[in-house]
Amino acid sequence: MSPADFTRPASLQGAVDLGARKQALEAQARREAAAAQAAAGGGPAQPPAGAAVIDVTDETFATDVIERSMRTPVVLDLWATWCEPCKQLSPILEKLAAEAAGRWVLAKVDVDKSPQISGALQVQSIPTVLAVFQGQAVTGFQGALPEAQVRQWLDQLLTALAQYLPPPGEAPEGQEAPQPAVDPDLLAAEQAIEQGDLDAAAAAYERLLARSPADPDAKIGLAGVGLVRRTQHLDPAAVMSRAAANPADVEAQTQAADVEILGGQVDEAFERLIQLVRRTSGDDRDHARRHLLGLFEALPSGDPSVAKARRSLANALY
């Protein structure tokens, strides 16, 4: 399947699954491109397989992190030279990576030099640490923790992944790629959605975000739950009719945008709200803007429709 085969959600399940499926497709495409480059001798040099600590850039992220995480857990240390807490945490991570003897790899990302990585991961503050396995961020934390707490976090990570990793000293080459561990709160949210319990699903996503504020699946999932909550008792035909008859009615237009999103008309929904921002002022304008930003959360940050709408919103505001 290619990104062109990907369709947008027409239901809650689709809205929640959208980010994970699209990220998997993109990761697969990056891995295939990197493999083709390496086979042709034109790809970037990859650090030795046994390296405990590597520096990663926007250009090397696909091979050094995504591809490497197919075999070994990769711990991302997102830092900057001006960040004082980073100077406390980074040496701890480097020490523990050396002690791990290859059970996991530390990948250091200078967010100032690699803005694409921090943007894609929606990093809000540094230091941020994320564990990546099988191309997905499975857990993480923010802030400078003492060594004892970092050790505890790593122990919990490796315990959770133990069933998917080869025994110490055994090379994983030739083995079938294991499936990544699923966060229990993410699993609980998906089960709650299947049962139609939106409150339980939202609570599970909120617990996951409290632990991992940058988790993309939880962000998209929570936004999807909110979208369905707002629309589950609406009559789509009546909503669209009311919006057509009342172009200046902010409530009617935001409800119509919600209905369009769930119907897969993403560009139409975004354009509706951008035009509403242009036509309104004061509280009405701010309400339309905030509603549009909330809809952005229901799609992956790299979605082309989101990128296009963000530019149009900026033009409408300024």
C-alpha atoms as a PDB file:
ATOM      1  CA  MET A   1       0.000   0.000   0.000  1.00  0.00           C
ATOM      2  CA  SER A   2       1.221   3.503  -0.774  1.00  0.00           C
ATOM      3  CA  PRO A   3       0.298   6.830   0.848  1.00  0.00           C
ATOM      4  CA  ALA A   4      -1.968   7.450  -2.135  1.00  0.00           C
ATOM      5  CA  ASP A   5      -4.083   4.462  -1.083  1.00  0.00           C
ATOM      6  CA  PHE A   6      -4.709   6.007   2.336  1.00  0.00           C
ATOM      7  CA  THR A   7      -8.211   7.294   3.061  1.00  0.00           C
ATOM      8  CA  ARG A   8      -9.310   9.606   5.826  1.00  0.00           C
ATOM      9  CA  PRO A   9     -11.633   8.569   8.638  1.00  0.00           C
ATOM     10  CA  ALA A  10     -15.358   8.243   8.279  1.00  0.00           C
ATOM     11  CA  SER A  11     -15.780   6.981  11.857  1.00  0.00           C
ATOM     12  CA  LEU A  12     -14.227   7.199  15.288  1.00  0.00           C
ATOM     13  CA  GLN A  13     -12.162   4.072  14.763  1.00  0.00           C
ATOM     14  CA  GLY A  14     -10.777   5.526  11.572  1.00  0.00           C
ATOM     15  CA  ALA A  15      -9.998   8.840  13.242  1.00  0.00           C
ATOM     16  CA  VAL A  16      -8.118   7.132  16.047  1.00  0.00           C
ATOM     17  CA  ASP A  17      -6.203   4.764  13.767  1.00  0.00           C
ATOM     18  CA  LEU A  18      -5.248   7.393  11.189  1.00  0.00           C
ATOM     19  CA  GLY A  19      -1.967   8.538  12.726  1.00  0.00           C
ATOM     20  CA  ALA A  20      -0.586   5.098  13.505  1.00  0.00           C
ATOM     21  CA  ARG A  21      -1.373   3.700  10.052  1.00  0.00           C
ATOM     22  CA  LYS A  22       0.049   6.695   8.220  1.00  0.00           C
ATOM     23  CA  GLN A  23       3.220   6.690  10.335  1.00  0.00           C
ATOM     24  CA  ALA A  24       3.692   2.987   9.622  1.00  0.00           C
ATOM     25  CA  LEU A  25       3.384   3.612   5.886  1.00  0.00           C
ATOM     26  CA  GLU A  26       5.835   6.497   6.012  1.00  0.00           C
ATOM     27  CA  ALA A  27       8.309   4.509   8.119  1.00  0.00           C
ATOM     28  CA  GLN A  28       8.100   1.611   5.690  1.00  0.00           C
ATOM     29  CA  ALA A  29       8.725   3.935   2.745  1.00  0.00           C
ATOM     30  CA  ARG A  30      11.744   5.447   4.497  1.00  0.00           C
ATOM     31  CA  ARG A  31      13.168   2.017   5.296  1.00  0.00           C
ATOM     32  CA  GLU A  32      12.750   0.856   1.700  1.00  0.00           C
ATOM     33  CA  ALA A  33      14.360   4.022   0.359  1.00  0.00           C
ATOM     34  CA  ALA A  34      17.271   3.710   2.797  1.00  0.00           C
ATOM     35  CA  ALA A  35      17.778   0.057   1.855  1.00  0.00           C
ATOM     36  CA  ALA A  36      17.781   0.951  -1.843  1.00  0.00           C
ATOM     37  CA  GLN A  37      20.319   3.707  -1.250  1.00  0.00           C
ATOM     38  CA  ALA A  38      22.571   1.382   0.725  1.00  0.00           C
ATOM     39  CA  ALA A  39      22.354  -1.311  -1.962  1.00  0.00           C
ATOM     40  CA  ALA A  40      23.355   1.243  -4.594  1.00  0.00           C
ATOM     41  CA  GLY A  41      26.233   2.485  -2.474  1.00  0.00           C
ATOM     42  CA  GLY A  42      24.787   5.970  -2.296  1.00  0.00           C
ATOM     43  CA  GLY A  43      23.331   6.000   1.186  1.00  0.00           C
ATOM     44  CA  PRO A  44      24.823   7.760   4.188  1.00  0.00           C
ATOM     45  CA  ALA A  45      27.278   5.847   6.294  1.00  0.00           C
ATOM     46  CA  GLN A  46      25.570   4.228   9.265  1.00  0.00           C
ATOM     47  CA  PRO A  47      27.305   4.076  12.642  1.00  0.00           C
ATOM     48  CA  PRO A  48      28.665   0.675  13.674  1.00  0.00           C
ATOM     49  CA  ALA A  49      25.946  -1.711  14.814  1.00  0.00           C
ATOM     50  CA  GLY A  50      27.541  -1.982  18.237  1.00  0.00           C
ATOM     51  CA  ALA A  51      27.798   1.763  18.903  1.00  0.00           C
ATOM     52  CA  ALA A  52      26.192   2.602  22.238  1.00  0.00           C
ATOM     53  CA  VAL A  53      25.809   6.348  21.585  1.00  0.00           C
ATOM     54  CA  ILE A  54      25.193   7.972  18.195  1.00  0.00           C
ATOM     55  CA  ASP A  55      24.495  11.513  17.036  1.00  0.00           C
ATOM     56  CA  VAL A  56      21.433  11.768  14.806  1.00  0.00           C
ATOM     57  CA  THR A  57      20.403  14.462  12.323  1.00  0.00           C
ATOM     58  CA  ASP A  58      17.379  15.084  10.136  1.00  0.00           C
ATOM     59  CA  GLU A  59      19.217  13.357   7.282  1.00  0.00           C
ATOM     60  CA  THR A  60      20.210  10.218   9.238  1.00  0.00           C
ATOM     61  CA  PHE A  61      17.092   9.742  11.365  1.00  0.00           C
ATOM     62  CA  ALA A  62      15.494   7.181   9.022  1.00  0.00           C
ATOM     63  CA  THR A  63      18.470   4.824   9.107  1.00  0.00           C
ATOM     64  CA  ASP A  64      19.965   5.545  12.527  1.00  0.00           C
ATOM     65  CA  VAL A  65      16.678   5.474  14.440  1.00  0.00           C
ATOM     66  CA  ILE A  66      13.774   4.000  12.434  1.00  0.00           C
ATOM     67  CA  GLU A  67      15.779   1.251  10.724  1.00  0.00           C
ATOM     68  CA  ARG A  68      17.907   0.489  13.785  1.00  0.00           C
ATOM     69  CA  SER A  69      14.826   0.277  16.018  1.00  0.00           C
ATOM     70  CA  MET A  70      13.601  -2.670  13.952  1.00  0.00           C
ATOM     71  CA  ARG A  71      16.305  -4.708  15.718  1.00  0.00           C
ATOM     72  CA  THR A  72      17.164  -2.835  18.910  1.00  0.00           C
ATOM     73  CA  PRO A  73      15.372  -0.322  21.164  1.00  0.00           C
ATOM     74  CA  VAL A  74      16.593   3.208  20.479  1.00  0.00           C
ATOM     75  CA  VAL A  75      16.433   5.851  23.210  1.00  0.00           C
ATOM     76  CA  LEU A  76      16.196   9.373  21.803  1.00  0.00           C
ATOM     77  CA  ASP A  77      17.809  12.145  23.838  1.00  0.00           C
ATOM     78  CA  LEU A  78      16.474  15.452  22.506  1.00  0.00           C
ATOM     79  CA  TRP A  79      18.687  18.244  23.807  1.00  0.00           C
ATOM     80  CA  ALA A  80      20.320  21.592  23.006  1.00  0.00           C
ATOM     81  CA  THR A  81      23.619  23.213  23.929  1.00  0.00           C
ATOM     82  CA  TRP A  82      21.891  26.021  25.860  1.00  0.00           C
ATOM     83  CA  CYS A  83      19.744  23.653  27.944  1.00  0.00           C
ATOM     84  CA  GLU A  84      21.122  23.329  31.488  1.00  0.00           C
ATOM     85  CA  PRO A  85      18.915  20.348  32.528  1.00  0.00           C
ATOM     86  CA  CYS A  86      20.122  18.565  29.368  1.00  0.00           C
ATOM     87  CA  LYS A  87      23.691  18.842  30.649  1.00  0.00           C
ATOM     88  CA  GLN A  88      22.611  16.944  33.766  1.00  0.00           C
ATOM     89  CA  LEU A  89      20.639  14.225  31.989  1.00  0.00           C
ATOM     90  CA  SER A  90      22.774  13.476  28.923  1.00  0.00           C
ATOM     91  CA  PRO A  91      25.834  12.157  30.828  1.00  0.00           C
ATOM     92  CA  ILE A  92      23.543   9.822  32.793  1.00  0.00           C
ATOM     93  CA  LEU A  93      22.034   8.426  29.600  1.00  0.00           C
ATOM     94  CA  GLU A  94      25.466   8.026  27.999  1.00  0.00           C
ATOM     95  CA  LYS A  95      26.768   6.170  31.044  1.00  0.00           C
ATOM     96  CA  LEU A  96      23.788   3.819  31.112  1.00  0.00           C
ATOM     97  CA  ALA A  97      24.015   3.224  27.354  1.00  0.00           C
ATOM     98  CA  ALA A  98      27.630   2.136  27.735  1.00  0.00           C
ATOM     99  CA  GLU A  99      26.655  -0.190  30.588  1.00  0.00           C
ATOM    100  CA  ALA A 100      23.840  -1.699  28.506  1.00  0.00           C
ATOM    101  CA  ALA A 101      26.364  -3.309  26.154  1.00  0.00           C
ATOM    102  CA  GLY A 102      24.117  -3.092  23.105  1.00  0.00           C
ATOM    103  CA  ARG A 103      20.767  -3.990  24.667  1.00  0.00           C
ATOM    104  CA  TRP A 104      19.654  -0.507  23.586  1.00  0.00           C
ATOM    105  CA  VAL A 105      21.196   2.411  21.700  1.00  0.00           C
ATOM    106  CA  LEU A 106      21.252   6.067  22.707  1.00  0.00           C
ATOM    107  CA  ALA A 107      20.550   8.445  19.808  1.00  0.00           C
ATOM    108  CA  LYS A 108      21.300  12.092  20.602  1.00  0.00           C
ATOM    109  CA  VAL A 109      19.366  14.777  18.721  1.00  0.00           C
ATOM    110  CA  ASP A 110      20.374  18.445  18.927  1.00  0.00           C
ATOM    111  CA  VAL A 111      16.963  20.073  18.372  1.00  0.00           C
ATOM    112  CA  ASP A 112      18.539  23.305  17.104  1.00  0.00           C
ATOM    113  CA  LYS A 113      20.441  21.461  14.380  1.00  0.00           C
ATOM    114  CA  SER A 114      17.631  18.997  13.588  1.00  0.00           C
ATOM    115  CA  PRO A 115      14.340  20.930  13.676  1.00  0.00           C
ATOM    116  CA  GLN A 116      12.516  18.419  11.454  1.00  0.00           C
ATOM    117  CA  ILE A 117      12.910  15.650  14.037  1.00  0.00           C
ATOM    118  CA  SER A 118      11.712  17.752  16.960  1.00  0.00           C
ATOM    119  CA  GLY A 119       8.848  19.103  14.847  1.00  0.00           C
ATOM    120  CA  ALA A 120       7.723  15.661  13.731  1.00  0.00           C
ATOM    121  CA  LEU A 121       7.817  14.403  17.309  1.00  0.00           C
ATOM    122  CA  GLN A 122       6.027  17.561  18.512  1.00  0.00           C
ATOM    123  CA  VAL A 123       8.634  18.157  21.214  1.00  0.00           C
ATOM    124  CA  GLN A 124       7.356  20.875  23.541  1.00  0.00           C
ATOM    125  CA  SER A 125      10.291  21.142  25.950  1.00  0.00           C
ATOM    126  CA  ILE A 126      13.745  19.711  26.489  1.00  0.00           C
ATOM    127  CA  PRO A 127      15.213  17.524  27.628  1.00  0.00           C
ATOM    128  CA  THR A 128      12.749  15.004  26.204  1.00  0.00           C
ATOM    129  CA  VAL A 129      13.542  11.293  26.119  1.00  0.00           C
ATOM    130  CA  LEU A 130      11.623   8.864  23.905  1.00  0.00           C
ATOM    131  CA  ALA A 131      12.075   5.115  23.499  1.00  0.00           C
ATOM    132  CA  VAL A 132      11.575   3.949  19.894  1.00  0.00           C
ATOM    133  CA  PHE A 133      10.997   0.312  18.977  1.00  0.00           C
ATOM    134  CA  GLN A 134       9.877  -1.101  15.644  1.00  0.00           C
ATOM    135  CA  GLY A 135       9.590   2.436  14.295  1.00  0.00           C
ATOM    136  CA  GLN A 136       7.210   3.667  17.004  1.00  0.00           C
ATOM    137  CA  ALA A 137       7.692   5.773  20.142  1.00  0.00           C
ATOM    138  CA  VAL A 138       6.533   3.451  22.919  1.00  0.00           C
ATOM    139  CA  THR A 139       7.234   5.498  26.045  1.00  0.00           C
ATOM    140  CA  GLY A 140       9.217   8.490  27.287  1.00  0.00           C
ATOM    141  CA  PHE A 141       9.612  11.287  29.795  1.00  0.00           C
ATOM    142  CA  GLN A 142      10.451  14.985  30.000  1.00  0.00           C
ATOM    143  CA  GLY A 143      12.862  16.802  32.277  1.00  0.00           C
ATOM    144  CA  ALA A 144      16.126  15.839  33.942  1.00  0.00           C
ATOM    145  CA  LEU A 145      15.573  12.816  36.182  1.00  0.00           C
ATOM    146  CA  PRO A 146      18.161  11.519  38.665  1.00  0.00           C
ATOM    147  CA  GLU A 147      20.112   8.426  37.679  1.00  0.00           C
ATOM    148  CA  ALA A 148      18.091   6.083  39.889  1.00  0.00           C
ATOM    149  CA  GLN A 149      14.821   7.084  38.199  1.00  0.00           C
ATOM    150  CA  VAL A 150      16.333   6.831  34.713  1.00  0.00           C
ATOM    151  CA  ARG A 151      17.575   3.320  35.564  1.00  0.00           C
ATOM    152  CA  GLN A 152      14.096   2.392  36.769  1.00  0.00           C
ATOM    153  CA  TRP A 153      12.530   3.720  33.561  1.00  0.00           C
ATOM    154  CA  LEU A 154      14.983   1.757  31.432  1.00  0.00           C
ATOM    155  CA  ASP A 155      14.406  -1.409  33.445  1.00  0.00           C
ATOM    156  CA  GLN A 156      10.658  -1.064  32.925  1.00  0.00           C
ATOM    157  CA  LEU A 157      11.182  -0.465  29.199  1.00  0.00           C
ATOM    158  CA  LEU A 158      13.383  -3.523  28.703  1.00  0.00           C
ATOM    159  CA  THR A 159      11.072  -5.681  30.804  1.00  0.00           C
ATOM    160  CA  ALA A 160       8.102  -4.633  28.661  1.00  0.00           C
ATOM    161  CA  LEU A 161      10.037  -5.432  25.474  1.00  0.00           C
ATOM    162  CA  ALA A 162      11.750  -8.591  26.736  1.00  0.00           C
ATOM    163  CA  GLN A 163       9.443 -10.983  24.894  1.00  0.00           C
ATOM    164  CA  TYR A 164      10.203  -9.242  21.591  1.00  0.00           C
ATOM    165  CA  LEU A 165      14.002  -9.134  21.958  1.00  0.00           C
ATOM    166  CA  PRO A 166      16.576 -11.905  21.517  1.00  0.00           C
ATOM    167  CA  PRO A 167      18.421 -13.145  24.615  1.00  0.00           C
ATOM    168  CA  PRO A 168      21.518 -11.113  25.526  1.00  0.00           C
ATOM    169  CA  GLY A 169      24.354 -11.924  23.150  1.00  0.00           C
ATOM    170  CA  GLU A 170      22.134 -13.513  20.503  1.00  0.00           C
ATOM    171  CA  ALA A 171      22.121 -11.672  17.178  1.00  0.00           C
ATOM    172  CA  PRO A 172      18.637 -10.860  15.856  1.00  0.00           C
ATOM    173  CA  GLU A 173      19.694 -11.154  12.214  1.00  0.00           C
ATOM    174  CA  GLY A 174      17.490 -13.510  10.208  1.00  0.00           C
ATOM    175  CA  GLN A 175      14.661 -13.468  12.724  1.00  0.00           C
ATOM    176  CA  GLU A 176      11.195 -12.336  11.786  1.00  0.00           C
ATOM    177  CA  ALA A 177      10.597  -8.750  12.871  1.00  0.00           C
ATOM    178  CA  PRO A 178       8.753  -8.754  16.217  1.00  0.00           C
ATOM    179  CA  GLN A 179       5.643  -6.728  16.847  1.00  0.00           C
ATOM    180  CA  PRO A 180       6.128  -3.653  19.055  1.00  0.00           C
ATOM    181  CA  ALA A 181       4.870  -3.581  22.588  1.00  0.00           C
ATOM    182  CA  VAL A 182       1.558  -1.787  22.963  1.00  0.00           C
ATOM    183  CA  ASP A 183       1.163   0.705  25.777  1.00  0.00           C
ATOM    184  CA  PRO A 184      -1.536  -0.604  28.149  1.00  0.00           C
ATOM    185  CA  ASP A 185      -3.379   2.718  28.144  1.00  0.00           C
ATOM    186  CA  LEU A 186      -3.382   2.802  24.348  1.00  0.00           C
ATOM    187  CA  LEU A 187      -4.784  -0.720  24.351  1.00  0.00           C
ATOM    188  CA  ALA A 188      -7.371   0.263  26.964  1.00  0.00           C
ATOM    189  CA  ALA A 189      -8.433   3.237  24.850  1.00  0.00           C
ATOM    190  CA  GLU A 190      -8.877   1.082  21.756  1.00  0.00           C
ATOM    191  CA  GLN A 191     -10.906  -1.474  23.700  1.00  0.00           C
ATOM    192  CA  ALA A 192     -13.086   1.287  25.166  1.00  0.00           C
ATOM    193  CA  ILE A 193     -13.720   2.638  21.682  1.00  0.00           C
ATOM    194  CA  GLU A 194     -14.777  -0.795  20.473  1.00  0.00           C
ATOM    195  CA  GLN A 195     -17.222  -0.925  23.394  1.00  0.00           C
ATOM    196  CA  GLY A 196     -18.524   2.577  22.668  1.00  0.00           C
ATOM    197  CA  ASP A 197     -17.262   3.974  26.004  1.00  0.00           C
ATOM    198  CA  LEU A 198     -15.936   7.382  24.969  1.00  0.00           C
ATOM    199  CA  ASP A 199     -15.317   8.558  28.544  1.00  0.00           C
ATOM    200  CA  ALA A 200     -13.086   5.572  29.300  1.00  0.00           C
ATOM    201  CA  ALA A 201     -11.245   6.022  26.006  1.00  0.00           C
ATOM    202  CA  ALA A 202     -10.590   9.707  26.725  1.00  0.00           C
ATOM    203  CA  ALA A 203      -9.371   8.888  30.243  1.00  0.00           C
ATOM    204  CA  ALA A 204      -6.932   6.286  28.894  1.00  0.00           C
ATOM    205  CA  TYR A 205      -5.533   8.679  26.296  1.00  0.00           C
ATOM    206  CA  GLU A 206      -5.154  11.383  28.956  1.00  0.00           C
ATOM    207  CA  ARG A 207      -3.208   8.984  31.203  1.00  0.00           C
ATOM    208  CA  LEU A 208      -0.881   8.153  28.331  1.00  0.00           C
ATOM    209  CA  LEU A 209      -0.362  11.831  27.503  1.00  0.00           C
ATOM    210  CA  ALA A 210       0.406  12.583  31.148  1.00  0.00           C
ATOM    211  CA  ARG A 211       3.328  10.148  30.887  1.00  0.00           C
ATOM    212  CA  SER A 212       4.291  10.825  27.272  1.00  0.00           C
ATOM    213  CA  PRO A 213       3.102  14.293  26.215  1.00  0.00           C
ATOM    214  CA  ALA A 214       4.491  13.853  22.694  1.00  0.00           C
ATOM    215  CA  ASP A 215       2.780  10.520  21.992  1.00  0.00           C
ATOM    216  CA  PRO A 216       1.199  11.033  18.533  1.00  0.00           C
ATOM    217  CA  ASP A 217      -1.309   8.172  18.757  1.00  0.00           C
ATOM    218  CA  ALA A 218      -2.685   9.466  22.065  1.00  0.00           C
ATOM    219  CA  LYS A 219      -2.973  13.018  20.737  1.00  0.00           C
ATOM    220  CA  ILE A 220      -4.811  11.917  17.623  1.00  0.00           C
ATOM    221  CA  GLY A 221      -6.942   9.482  19.596  1.00  0.00           C
ATOM    222  CA  LEU A 222      -8.034  12.068  22.159  1.00  0.00           C
ATOM    223  CA  ALA A 223      -8.880  14.555  19.416  1.00  0.00           C
ATOM    224  CA  GLY A 224     -10.872  11.844  17.633  1.00  0.00           C
ATOM    225  CA  VAL A 225     -12.836  11.054  20.775  1.00  0.00           C
ATOM    226  CA  GLY A 226     -13.659  14.738  21.214  1.00  0.00           C
ATOM    227  CA  LEU A 227     -14.780  14.954  17.608  1.00  0.00           C
ATOM    228  CA  VAL A 228     -17.197  12.052  17.985  1.00  0.00           C
ATOM    229  CA  ARG A 229     -18.496  13.350  21.307  1.00  0.00           C
ATOM    230  CA  ARG A 230     -19.424  16.634  19.644  1.00  0.00           C
ATOM    231  CA  THR A 231     -21.162  15.035  16.687  1.00  0.00           C
ATOM    232  CA  GLN A 232     -22.745  11.815  17.960  1.00  0.00           C
ATOM    233  CA  HIS A 233     -26.159  13.409  18.519  1.00  0.00           C
ATOM    234  CA  LEU A 234     -26.150  15.659  15.444  1.00  0.00           C
ATOM    235  CA  ASP A 235     -28.116  15.113  12.242  1.00  0.00           C
ATOM    236  CA  PRO A 236     -25.497  15.683   9.513  1.00  0.00           C
ATOM    237  CA  ALA A 237     -28.048  16.792   6.897  1.00  0.00           C
ATOM    238  CA  ALA A 238     -29.626  19.289   9.290  1.00  0.00           C
ATOM    239  CA  VAL A 239     -26.206  20.605  10.327  1.00  0.00           C
ATOM    240  CA  MET A 240     -25.107  21.211   6.759  1.00  0.00           C
ATOM    241  CA  SER A 241     -28.425  22.865   5.866  1.00  0.00           C
ATOM    242  CA  ARG A 242     -28.192  25.203   8.851  1.00  0.00           C
ATOM    243  CA  ALA A 243     -24.597  26.107   7.999  1.00  0.00           C
ATOM    244  CA  ALA A 244     -25.509  26.886   4.388  1.00  0.00           C
ATOM    245  CA  ALA A 245     -28.326  29.160   5.521  1.00  0.00           C
ATOM    246  CA  ASN A 246     -26.262  30.941   8.222  1.00  0.00           C
ATOM    247  CA  PRO A 247     -22.702  31.696   7.016  1.00  0.00           C
ATOM    248  CA  ALA A 248     -22.042  33.949  10.029  1.00  0.00           C
ATOM    249  CA  ASP A 249     -23.301  31.458  12.641  1.00  0.00           C
ATOM    250  CA  VAL A 250     -20.094  30.278  14.348  1.00  0.00           C
ATOM    251  CA  GLU A 251     -21.723  27.288  16.036  1.00  0.00           C
ATOM    252  CA  ALA A 252     -23.328  26.143  12.783  1.00  0.00           C
ATOM    253  CA  GLN A 253     -20.069  26.455  10.865  1.00  0.00           C
ATOM    254  CA  THR A 254     -17.945  24.625  13.470  1.00  0.00           C
ATOM    255  CA  GLN A 255     -20.497  21.795  13.644  1.00  0.00           C
ATOM    256  CA  ALA A 256     -20.477  21.573   9.856  1.00  0.00           C
ATOM    257  CA  ALA A 257     -16.677  21.354   9.886  1.00  0.00           C
ATOM    258  CA  ASP A 258     -16.867  18.486  12.403  1.00  0.00           C
ATOM    259  CA  VAL A 259     -19.340  16.638  10.189  1.00  0.00           C
ATOM    260  CA  GLU A 260     -17.117  17.170   7.153  1.00  0.00           C
ATOM    261  CA  ILE A 261     -14.059  15.827   8.971  1.00  0.00           C
ATOM    262  CA  LEU A 262     -15.874  12.643   9.949  1.00  0.00           C
ATOM    263  CA  GLY A 263     -17.107  12.315   6.366  1.00  0.00           C
ATOM    264  CA  GLY A 264     -13.555  12.484   5.010  1.00  0.00           C
ATOM    265  CA  GLN A 265     -13.931  16.031   3.634  1.00  0.00           C
ATOM    266  CA  VAL A 266     -10.880  17.322   5.444  1.00  0.00           C
ATOM    267  CA  ASP A 267      -9.846  20.106   3.077  1.00  0.00           C
ATOM    268  CA  GLU A 268     -13.432  21.379   2.912  1.00  0.00           C
ATOM    269  CA  ALA A 269     -13.698  21.456   6.714  1.00  0.00           C
ATOM    270  CA  PHE A 270     -10.425  23.354   7.085  1.00  0.00           C
ATOM    271  CA  GLU A 271     -11.346  25.863   4.372  1.00  0.00           C
ATOM    272  CA  ARG A 272     -14.765  26.439   5.970  1.00  0.00           C
ATOM    273  CA  LEU A 273     -13.171  27.446   9.264  1.00  0.00           C
ATOM    274  CA  ILE A 274     -10.423  29.526   7.662  1.00  0.00           C
ATOM    275  CA  GLN A 275     -13.062  31.539   5.821  1.00  0.00           C
ATOM    276  CA  LEU A 276     -14.962  31.869   9.107  1.00  0.00           C
ATOM    277  CA  VAL A 277     -11.816  33.308  10.709  1.00  0.00           C
ATOM    278  CA  ARG A 278     -11.616  35.831   7.858  1.00  0.00           C
ATOM    279  CA  ARG A 279     -15.260  36.893   8.277  1.00  0.00           C
ATOM    280  CA  THR A 280     -15.369  37.205  12.068  1.00  0.00           C
ATOM    281  CA  SER A 281     -13.634  39.161  14.803  1.00  0.00           C
ATOM    282  CA  GLY A 282     -13.194  39.166  18.554  1.00  0.00           C
ATOM    283  CA  ASP A 283     -14.450  36.150  20.483  1.00  0.00           C
ATOM    284  CA  ASP A 284     -16.113  34.610  17.427  1.00  0.00           C
ATOM    285  CA  ARG A 285     -12.875  34.705  15.502  1.00  0.00           C
ATOM    286  CA  ASP A 286     -10.915  33.217  18.386  1.00  0.00           C
ATOM    287  CA  HIS A 287     -13.500  30.454  18.794  1.00  0.00           C
ATOM    288  CA  ALA A 288     -13.226  29.557  15.102  1.00  0.00           C
ATOM    289  CA  ARG A 289      -9.432  29.595  15.281  1.00  0.00           C
ATOM    290  CA  ARG A 290      -9.301  27.358  18.368  1.00  0.00           C
ATOM    291  CA  HIS A 291     -11.779  24.929  16.854  1.00  0.00           C
ATOM    292  CA  LEU A 292      -9.644  24.646  13.720  1.00  0.00           C
ATOM    293  CA  LEU A 293      -6.510  24.008  15.785  1.00  0.00           C
ATOM    294  CA  GLY A 294      -8.391  21.278  17.616  1.00  0.00           C
ATOM    295  CA  LEU A 295      -9.259  19.602  14.315  1.00  0.00           C
ATOM    296  CA  PHE A 296      -5.589  19.696  13.318  1.00  0.00           C
ATOM    297  CA  GLU A 297      -4.918  17.458  16.324  1.00  0.00           C
ATOM    298  CA  ALA A 298      -7.130  14.732  14.829  1.00  0.00           C
ATOM    299  CA  LEU A 299      -4.641  14.233  11.973  1.00  0.00           C
ATOM    300  CA  PRO A 300      -0.883  13.536  11.915  1.00  0.00           C
ATOM    301  CA  SER A 301       1.208  16.690  12.136  1.00  0.00           C
ATOM    302  CA  GLY A 302       2.802  15.879   8.780  1.00  0.00           C
ATOM    303  CA  ASP A 303      -0.508  15.525   6.928  1.00  0.00           C
ATOM    304  CA  PRO A 304      -0.328  17.747   3.807  1.00  0.00           C
ATOM    305  CA  SER A 305      -3.846  19.072   4.405  1.00  0.00           C
ATOM    306  CA  VAL A 306      -2.833  20.220   7.888  1.00  0.00           C
ATOM    307  CA  ALA A 307       0.311  21.907   6.581  1.00  0.00           C
ATOM    308  CA  LYS A 308      -1.650  23.694   3.859  1.00  0.00           C
ATOM    309  CA  ALA A 309      -4.376  24.795   6.285  1.00  0.00           C
ATOM    310  CA  ARG A 310      -1.822  26.098   8.805  1.00  0.00           C
ATOM    311  CA  ARG A 311      -0.363  28.360   6.135  1.00  0.00           C
ATOM    312  CA  SER A 312      -3.805  29.573   5.117  1.00  0.00           C
ATOM    313  CA  LEU A 313      -4.741  30.217   8.745  1.00  0.00           C
ATOM    314  CA  ALA A 314      -1.596  32.283   9.259  1.00  0.00           C
ATOM    315  CA  ASN A 315      -2.490  34.372   6.204  1.00  0.00           C
ATOM    316  CA  ALA A 316      -6.044  34.826   7.491  1.00  0.00           C
ATOM    317  CA  LEU A 317      -4.841  35.967  10.901  1.00  0.00           C
ATOM    318  CA  TYR A 318      -2.029  38.237   9.784  1.00  0.00           C
END
